[in-house]
């Protein structure tokens, strides 16, 4: 047990953690080396919402042009 690799994470007091690292991990169970810790498998965290997609930007540009044309028409009617 004493020969096993140590966690090495920094504690709140600034000292390195002396707990043994989890099997196959670099950290102990208290510092993220436990089972099922970390991000889920796959790329589900990188989903886009579409706000900055080309289609959304083009649609915003069309709406902006339509509003500008309507405002210009109202100025001409005054």
PDB file of N, CA and C in Angstrom:
ATOM      1  N   UNK A   1       0.831  -1.194   0.000  1.00  0.00           N
ATOM      2  CA  UNK A   1       0.000   0.000   0.000  1.00  0.00           C
ATOM      3  C   UNK A   1       0.878   1.261   0.000  1.00  0.00           C
ATOM      4  N   UNK A   2       1.956   1.235   0.739  1.00  0.00           N
ATOM      5  CA  UNK A   2       2.817   2.418   0.803  1.00  0.00           C
ATOM      6  C   UNK A   2       3.592   2.621  -0.491  1.00  0.00           C
ATOM      7  N   UNK A   3       3.784   1.557  -1.264  1.00  0.00           N
ATOM      8  CA  UNK A   3       4.533   1.660  -2.513  1.00  0.00           C
ATOM      9  C   UNK A   3       3.657   2.105  -3.682  1.00  0.00           C
ATOM     10  N   UNK A   4       2.341   2.179  -3.479  1.00  0.00           N
ATOM     11  CA  UNK A   4       1.443   2.566  -4.570  1.00  0.00           C
ATOM     12  C   UNK A   4       1.617   4.046  -4.898  1.00  0.00           C
ATOM     13  N   UNK A   5       1.366   4.445  -6.135  1.00  0.00           N
ATOM     14  CA  UNK A   5       1.522   5.866  -6.501  1.00  0.00           C
ATOM     15  C   UNK A   5       0.532   6.741  -5.745  1.00  0.00           C
ATOM     16  N   UNK A   6       0.958   7.928  -5.442  1.00  0.00           N
ATOM     17  CA  UNK A   6       0.142   8.862  -4.676  1.00  0.00           C
ATOM     18  C   UNK A   6      -0.628   9.790  -5.603  1.00  0.00           C
ATOM     19  N   UNK A   7      -1.668  10.375  -5.074  1.00  0.00           N
ATOM     20  CA  UNK A   7      -2.556  11.234  -5.856  1.00  0.00           C
ATOM     21  C   UNK A   7      -1.820  12.483  -6.341  1.00  0.00           C
ATOM     22  N   UNK A   8      -1.286  13.257  -5.447  1.00  0.00           N
ATOM     23  CA  UNK A   8      -0.535  14.443  -5.834  1.00  0.00           C
ATOM     24  C   UNK A   8      -1.366  15.685  -6.059  1.00  0.00           C
ATOM     25  N   UNK A   9      -2.689  15.595  -5.959  1.00  0.00           N
ATOM     26  CA  UNK A   9      -3.509  16.798  -6.089  1.00  0.00           C
ATOM     27  C   UNK A   9      -3.218  17.720  -4.912  1.00  0.00           C
ATOM     28  N   UNK A  10      -3.414  19.007  -5.105  1.00  0.00           N
ATOM     29  CA  UNK A  10      -3.146  19.968  -4.046  1.00  0.00           C
ATOM     30  C   UNK A  10      -4.357  20.067  -3.137  1.00  0.00           C
ATOM     31  N   UNK A  11      -4.129  19.983  -1.844  1.00  0.00           N
ATOM     32  CA  UNK A  11      -5.205  20.110  -0.880  1.00  0.00           C
ATOM     33  C   UNK A  11      -5.510  21.585  -0.637  1.00  0.00           C
ATOM     34  N   UNK A  12      -6.489  21.843   0.193  1.00  0.00           N
ATOM     35  CA  UNK A  12      -6.869  23.236   0.499  1.00  0.00           C
ATOM     36  C   UNK A  12      -5.747  23.986   1.212  1.00  0.00           C
ATOM     37  N   UNK A  13      -4.903  23.238   1.908  1.00  0.00           N
ATOM     38  CA  UNK A  13      -3.791  23.858   2.631  1.00  0.00           C
ATOM     39  C   UNK A  13      -2.553  24.013   1.766  1.00  0.00           C
ATOM     40  N   UNK A  14      -2.612  23.525   0.534  1.00  0.00           N
ATOM     41  CA  UNK A  14      -1.489  23.666  -0.376  1.00  0.00           C
ATOM     42  C   UNK A  14      -0.541  22.484  -0.401  1.00  0.00           C
ATOM     43  N   UNK A  15      -0.768  21.521   0.459  1.00  0.00           N
ATOM     44  CA  UNK A  15       0.098  20.342   0.503  1.00  0.00           C
ATOM     45  C   UNK A  15      -0.408  19.307  -0.499  1.00  0.00           C
ATOM     46  N   UNK A  16       0.469  18.441  -0.988  1.00  0.00           N
ATOM     47  CA  UNK A  16      -0.008  17.399  -1.910  1.00  0.00           C
ATOM     48  C   UNK A  16      -0.843  16.360  -1.175  1.00  0.00           C
ATOM     49  N   UNK A  17      -1.850  15.823  -1.850  1.00  0.00           N
ATOM     50  CA  UNK A  17      -2.691  14.774  -1.277  1.00  0.00           C
ATOM     51  C   UNK A  17      -1.858  13.504  -1.141  1.00  0.00           C
ATOM     52  N   UNK A  18      -1.951  12.842  -0.010  1.00  0.00           N
ATOM     53  CA  UNK A  18      -1.142  11.646   0.250  1.00  0.00           C
ATOM     54  C   UNK A  18      -1.919  10.362   0.037  1.00  0.00           C
ATOM     55  N   UNK A  19      -3.187  10.454  -0.388  1.00  0.00           N
ATOM     56  CA  UNK A  19      -3.999   9.258  -0.608  1.00  0.00           C
ATOM     57  C   UNK A  19      -3.479   8.509  -1.832  1.00  0.00           C
ATOM     58  N   UNK A  20      -3.630   7.191  -1.856  1.00  0.00           N
ATOM     59  CA  UNK A  20      -3.177   6.439  -3.031  1.00  0.00           C
ATOM     60  C   UNK A  20      -4.056   6.732  -4.241  1.00  0.00           C
ATOM     61  N   UNK A  21      -3.450   6.766  -5.400  1.00  0.00           N
ATOM     62  CA  UNK A  21      -4.198   7.013  -6.634  1.00  0.00           C
ATOM     63  C   UNK A  21      -5.080   5.816  -6.947  1.00  0.00           C
ATOM     64  N   UNK A  22      -6.215   6.070  -7.589  1.00  0.00           N
ATOM     65  CA  UNK A  22      -7.114   4.987  -7.976  1.00  0.00           C
ATOM     66  C   UNK A  22      -6.450   4.137  -9.053  1.00  0.00           C
ATOM     67  N   UNK A  23      -6.874   2.895  -9.168  1.00  0.00           N
ATOM     68  CA  UNK A  23      -6.265   1.975 -10.131  1.00  0.00           C
ATOM     69  C   UNK A  23      -6.439   2.504 -11.550  1.00  0.00           C
ATOM     70  N   UNK A  24      -5.339   2.690 -12.246  1.00  0.00           N
ATOM     71  CA  UNK A  24      -5.366   3.161 -13.620  1.00  0.00           C
ATOM     72  C   UNK A  24      -5.559   4.663 -13.761  1.00  0.00           C
ATOM     73  N   UNK A  25      -5.547   5.394 -12.658  1.00  0.00           N
ATOM     74  CA  UNK A  25      -5.761   6.843 -12.684  1.00  0.00           C
ATOM     75  C   UNK A  25      -4.587   7.548 -12.027  1.00  0.00           C
ATOM     76  N   UNK A  26      -4.553   8.860 -12.212  1.00  0.00           N
ATOM     77  CA  UNK A  26      -3.491   9.651 -11.607  1.00  0.00           C
ATOM     78  C   UNK A  26      -3.937  10.312 -10.306  1.00  0.00           C
ATOM     79  N   UNK A  27      -5.234  10.265 -10.011  1.00  0.00           N
ATOM     80  CA  UNK A  27      -5.781  10.919  -8.824  1.00  0.00           C
ATOM     81  C   UNK A  27      -6.498   9.921  -7.938  1.00  0.00           C
ATOM     82  N   UNK A  28      -6.699  10.278  -6.682  1.00  0.00           N
ATOM     83  CA  UNK A  28      -7.425   9.415  -5.751  1.00  0.00           C
ATOM     84  C   UNK A  28      -8.922   9.579  -5.975  1.00  0.00           C
ATOM     85  N   UNK A  29      -9.726   8.794  -5.271  1.00  0.00           N
ATOM     86  CA  UNK A  29     -11.179   8.835  -5.462  1.00  0.00           C
ATOM     87  C   UNK A  29     -11.774  10.165  -5.030  1.00  0.00           C
ATOM     88  N   UNK A  30     -11.109  10.878  -4.132  1.00  0.00           N
ATOM     89  CA  UNK A  30     -11.626  12.161  -3.658  1.00  0.00           C
ATOM     90  C   UNK A  30     -11.296  13.310  -4.609  1.00  0.00           C
ATOM     91  N   UNK A  31     -10.320  13.098  -5.491  1.00  0.00           N
ATOM     92  CA  UNK A  31      -9.903  14.157  -6.407  1.00  0.00           C
ATOM     93  C   UNK A  31     -10.167  13.806  -7.866  1.00  0.00           C
ATOM     94  N   UNK A  32     -11.151  12.957  -8.130  1.00  0.00           N
ATOM     95  CA  UNK A  32     -11.553  12.704  -9.502  1.00  0.00           C
ATOM     96  C   UNK A  32     -11.075  11.406 -10.098  1.00  0.00           C
ATOM     97  N   UNK A  33     -10.548  10.497  -9.298  1.00  0.00           N
ATOM     98  CA  UNK A  33     -10.073   9.237  -9.840  1.00  0.00           C
ATOM     99  C   UNK A  33     -11.073   8.103  -9.701  1.00  0.00           C
ATOM    100  N   UNK A  34     -12.261   8.408  -9.169  1.00  0.00           N
ATOM    101  CA  UNK A  34     -13.259   7.366  -8.950  1.00  0.00           C
ATOM    102  C   UNK A  34     -13.899   6.892 -10.232  1.00  0.00           C
ATOM    103  N   UNK A  35     -14.714   5.865 -10.119  1.00  0.00           N
ATOM    104  CA  UNK A  35     -15.430   5.325 -11.274  1.00  0.00           C
ATOM    105  C   UNK A  35     -16.418   6.344 -11.822  1.00  0.00           C
ATOM    106  N   UNK A  36     -16.616   6.281 -13.082  1.00  0.00           N
ATOM    107  CA  UNK A  36     -17.607   7.095 -13.796  1.00  0.00           C
ATOM    108  C   UNK A  36     -17.447   8.590 -13.539  1.00  0.00           C
ATOM    109  N   UNK A  37     -16.259   9.045 -13.301  1.00  0.00           N
ATOM    110  CA  UNK A  37     -16.069  10.481 -13.141  1.00  0.00           C
ATOM    111  C   UNK A  37     -15.576  11.052 -14.469  1.00  0.00           C
ATOM    112  N   UNK A  38     -15.813  12.310 -14.670  1.00  0.00           N
ATOM    113  CA  UNK A  38     -15.390  12.968 -15.900  1.00  0.00           C
ATOM    114  C   UNK A  38     -16.545  13.139 -16.873  1.00  0.00           C
ATOM    115  N   UNK A  39     -16.231  13.595 -18.036  1.00  0.00           N
ATOM    116  CA  UNK A  39     -17.242  13.873 -19.051  1.00  0.00           C
ATOM    117  C   UNK A  39     -17.791  12.570 -19.621  1.00  0.00           C
ATOM    118  N   UNK A  40     -19.048  12.579 -20.078  1.00  0.00           N
ATOM    119  CA  UNK A  40     -19.597  11.377 -20.684  1.00  0.00           C
ATOM    120  C   UNK A  40     -18.901  11.048 -21.995  1.00  0.00           C
ATOM    121  N   UNK A  41     -18.951   9.776 -22.379  1.00  0.00           N
ATOM    122  CA  UNK A  41     -18.336   9.349 -23.621  1.00  0.00           C
ATOM    123  C   UNK A  41     -19.074   9.947 -24.806  1.00  0.00           C
ATOM    124  N   UNK A  42     -18.361  10.131 -25.885  1.00  0.00           N
ATOM    125  CA  UNK A  42     -18.972  10.716 -27.069  1.00  0.00           C
ATOM    126  C   UNK A  42     -18.789  12.216 -27.095  1.00  0.00           C
ATOM    127  N   UNK A  43     -19.418  12.846 -28.047  1.00  0.00           N
ATOM    128  CA  UNK A  43     -19.250  14.285 -28.229  1.00  0.00           C
ATOM    129  C   UNK A  43     -20.546  15.018 -27.903  1.00  0.00           C
ATOM    130  N   UNK A  44     -21.318  14.516 -26.964  1.00  0.00           N
ATOM    131  CA  UNK A  44     -22.587  15.138 -26.610  1.00  0.00           C
ATOM    132  C   UNK A  44     -22.434  16.510 -25.985  1.00  0.00           C
ATOM    133  N   UNK A  45     -21.274  16.799 -25.406  1.00  0.00           N
ATOM    134  CA  UNK A  45     -21.070  18.102 -24.776  1.00  0.00           C
ATOM    135  C   UNK A  45     -20.792  19.194 -25.794  1.00  0.00           C
ATOM    136  N   UNK A  46     -20.548  18.829 -27.035  1.00  0.00           N
ATOM    137  CA  UNK A  46     -20.171  19.807 -28.045  1.00  0.00           C
ATOM    138  C   UNK A  46     -21.335  20.136 -28.976  1.00  0.00           C
ATOM    139  N   UNK A  47     -22.557  19.855 -28.573  1.00  0.00           N
ATOM    140  CA  UNK A  47     -23.704  20.170 -29.440  1.00  0.00           C
ATOM    141  C   UNK A  47     -23.828  21.669 -29.617  1.00  0.00           C
ATOM    142  N   UNK A  48     -24.236  22.069 -30.807  1.00  0.00           N
ATOM    143  CA  UNK A  48     -24.394  23.485 -31.104  1.00  0.00           C
ATOM    144  C   UNK A  48     -25.866  23.862 -31.009  1.00  0.00           C
ATOM    145  N   UNK A  49     -26.133  25.073 -30.645  1.00  0.00           N
ATOM    146  CA  UNK A  49     -27.507  25.532 -30.534  1.00  0.00           C
ATOM    147  C   UNK A  49     -27.990  26.151 -31.831  1.00  0.00           C
ATOM    148  N   UNK A  50     -27.097  26.471 -32.762  1.00  0.00           N
ATOM    149  CA  UNK A  50     -27.498  26.981 -34.064  1.00  0.00           C
ATOM    150  C   UNK A  50     -27.640  28.484 -34.145  1.00  0.00           C
ATOM    151  N   UNK A  51     -27.370  29.199 -33.072  1.00  0.00           N
ATOM    152  CA  UNK A  51     -27.530  30.651 -33.081  1.00  0.00           C
ATOM    153  C   UNK A  51     -26.574  31.323 -34.046  1.00  0.00           C
ATOM    154  N   UNK A  52     -25.384  30.768 -34.229  1.00  0.00           N
ATOM    155  CA  UNK A  52     -24.384  31.383 -35.090  1.00  0.00           C
ATOM    156  C   UNK A  52     -24.178  30.602 -36.384  1.00  0.00           C
ATOM    157  N   UNK A  53     -25.135  29.765 -36.751  1.00  0.00           N
ATOM    158  CA  UNK A  53     -25.013  29.012 -37.994  1.00  0.00           C
ATOM    159  C   UNK A  53     -25.194  29.950 -39.187  1.00  0.00           C
ATOM    160  N   UNK A  54     -24.785  29.495 -40.367  1.00  0.00           N
ATOM    161  CA  UNK A  54     -24.914  30.335 -41.571  1.00  0.00           C
ATOM    162  C   UNK A  54     -26.365  30.662 -41.859  1.00  0.00           C
ATOM    163  N   UNK A  55     -27.246  29.670 -41.662  1.00  0.00           N
ATOM    164  CA  UNK A  55     -28.663  29.887 -41.952  1.00  0.00           C
ATOM    165  C   UNK A  55     -29.259  30.939 -41.022  1.00  0.00           C
ATOM    166  N   UNK A  56     -28.922  30.858 -39.735  1.00  0.00           N
ATOM    167  CA  UNK A  56     -29.444  31.830 -38.776  1.00  0.00           C
ATOM    168  C   UNK A  56     -28.901  33.227 -39.064  1.00  0.00           C
ATOM    169  N   UNK A  57     -27.626  33.320 -39.413  1.00  0.00           N
ATOM    170  CA  UNK A  57     -27.032  34.625 -39.726  1.00  0.00           C
ATOM    171  C   UNK A  57     -27.668  35.209 -40.989  1.00  0.00           C
ATOM    172  N   UNK A  58     -27.932  34.367 -41.992  1.00  0.00           N
ATOM    173  CA  UNK A  58     -28.576  34.846 -43.215  1.00  0.00           C
ATOM    174  C   UNK A  58     -29.990  35.331 -42.930  1.00  0.00           C
ATOM    175  N   UNK A  59     -30.704  34.608 -42.079  1.00  0.00           N
ATOM    176  CA  UNK A  59     -32.067  35.014 -41.731  1.00  0.00           C
ATOM    177  C   UNK A  59     -32.072  36.339 -40.986  1.00  0.00           C
ATOM    178  N   UNK A  60     -31.129  36.518 -40.064  1.00  0.00           N
ATOM    179  CA  UNK A  60     -31.036  37.796 -39.351  1.00  0.00           C
ATOM    180  C   UNK A  60     -30.701  38.925 -40.313  1.00  0.00           C
ATOM    181  N   UNK A  61     -29.850  38.648 -41.308  1.00  0.00           N
ATOM    182  CA  UNK A  61     -29.522  39.670 -42.307  1.00  0.00           C
ATOM    183  C   UNK A  61     -30.732  40.056 -43.137  1.00  0.00           C
ATOM    184  N   UNK A  62     -31.557  39.082 -43.517  1.00  0.00           N
ATOM    185  CA  UNK A  62     -32.769  39.382 -44.283  1.00  0.00           C
ATOM    186  C   UNK A  62     -33.731  40.232 -43.459  1.00  0.00           C
ATOM    187  N   UNK A  63     -33.912  39.891 -42.204  1.00  0.00           N
ATOM    188  CA  UNK A  63     -34.804  40.664 -41.335  1.00  0.00           C
ATOM    189  C   UNK A  63     -34.274  42.081 -41.171  1.00  0.00           C
ATOM    190  N   UNK A  64     -32.967  42.222 -41.017  1.00  0.00           N
ATOM    191  CA  UNK A  64     -32.365  43.548 -40.860  1.00  0.00           C
ATOM    192  C   UNK A  64     -32.590  44.394 -42.115  1.00  0.00           C
ATOM    193  N   UNK A  65     -32.386  43.783 -43.304  1.00  0.00           N
ATOM    194  CA  UNK A  65     -32.612  44.513 -44.546  1.00  0.00           C
ATOM    195  C   UNK A  65     -34.073  44.907 -44.703  1.00  0.00           C
ATOM    196  N   UNK A  66     -34.990  44.018 -44.350  1.00  0.00           N
ATOM    197  CA  UNK A  66     -36.415  44.316 -44.434  1.00  0.00           C
ATOM    198  C   UNK A  66     -36.784  45.469 -43.507  1.00  0.00           C
ATOM    199  N   UNK A  67     -36.244  45.478 -42.302  1.00  0.00           N
ATOM    200  CA  UNK A  67     -36.520  46.576 -41.375  1.00  0.00           C
ATOM    201  C   UNK A  67     -35.926  47.890 -41.874  1.00  0.00           C
ATOM    202  N   UNK A  68     -34.733  47.831 -42.454  1.00  0.00           N
ATOM    203  CA  UNK A  68     -34.123  49.047 -43.007  1.00  0.00           C
ATOM    204  C   UNK A  68     -34.960  49.603 -44.150  1.00  0.00           C
ATOM    205  N   UNK A  69     -35.454  48.718 -45.018  1.00  0.00           N
ATOM    206  CA  UNK A  69     -36.298  49.164 -46.131  1.00  0.00           C
ATOM    207  C   UNK A  69     -37.601  49.768 -45.617  1.00  0.00           C
ATOM    208  N   UNK A  70     -38.197  49.173 -44.600  1.00  0.00           N
ATOM    209  CA  UNK A  70     -39.438  49.705 -44.042  1.00  0.00           C
ATOM    210  C   UNK A  70     -39.202  51.068 -43.403  1.00  0.00           C
ATOM    211  N   UNK A  71     -38.083  51.204 -42.718  1.00  0.00           N
ATOM    212  CA  UNK A  71     -37.759  52.496 -42.096  1.00  0.00           C
ATOM    213  C   UNK A  71     -37.523  53.569 -43.159  1.00  0.00           C
ATOM    214  N   UNK A  72     -36.848  53.207 -44.226  1.00  0.00           N
ATOM    215  CA  UNK A  72     -36.613  54.169 -45.334  1.00  0.00           C
ATOM    216  C   UNK A  72     -37.921  54.569 -45.976  1.00  0.00           C
ATOM    217  N   UNK A  73     -38.829  53.616 -46.158  1.00  0.00           N
ATOM    218  CA  UNK A  73     -40.143  53.916 -46.737  1.00  0.00           C
ATOM    219  C   UNK A  73     -40.928  54.868 -45.837  1.00  0.00           C
ATOM    220  N   UNK A  74     -40.854  54.666 -44.531  1.00  0.00           N
ATOM    221  CA  UNK A  74     -41.541  55.572 -43.600  1.00  0.00           C
ATOM    222  C   UNK A  74     -40.945  56.975 -43.640  1.00  0.00           C
ATOM    223  N   UNK A  75     -39.635  57.080 -43.812  1.00  0.00           N
ATOM    224  CA  UNK A  75     -39.009  58.403 -43.928  1.00  0.00           C
ATOM    225  C   UNK A  75     -39.467  59.120 -45.191  1.00  0.00           C
ATOM    226  N   UNK A  76     -39.617  58.366 -46.283  1.00  0.00           N
ATOM    227  CA  UNK A  76     -40.057  58.974 -47.543  1.00  0.00           C
ATOM    228  C   UNK A  76     -41.501  59.431 -47.466  1.00  0.00           C
ATOM    229  N   UNK A  77     -42.321  58.762 -46.694  1.00  0.00           N
ATOM    230  CA  UNK A  77     -43.732  59.123 -46.590  1.00  0.00           C
ATOM    231  C   UNK A  77     -43.960  60.345 -45.704  1.00  0.00           C
ATOM    232  N   UNK A  78     -43.017  60.721 -44.901  1.00  0.00           N
ATOM    233  CA  UNK A  78     -43.179  61.875 -44.011  1.00  0.00           C
ATOM    234  C   UNK A  78     -43.181  63.169 -44.733  1.00  0.00           C
TER     235      UNK A  78
END
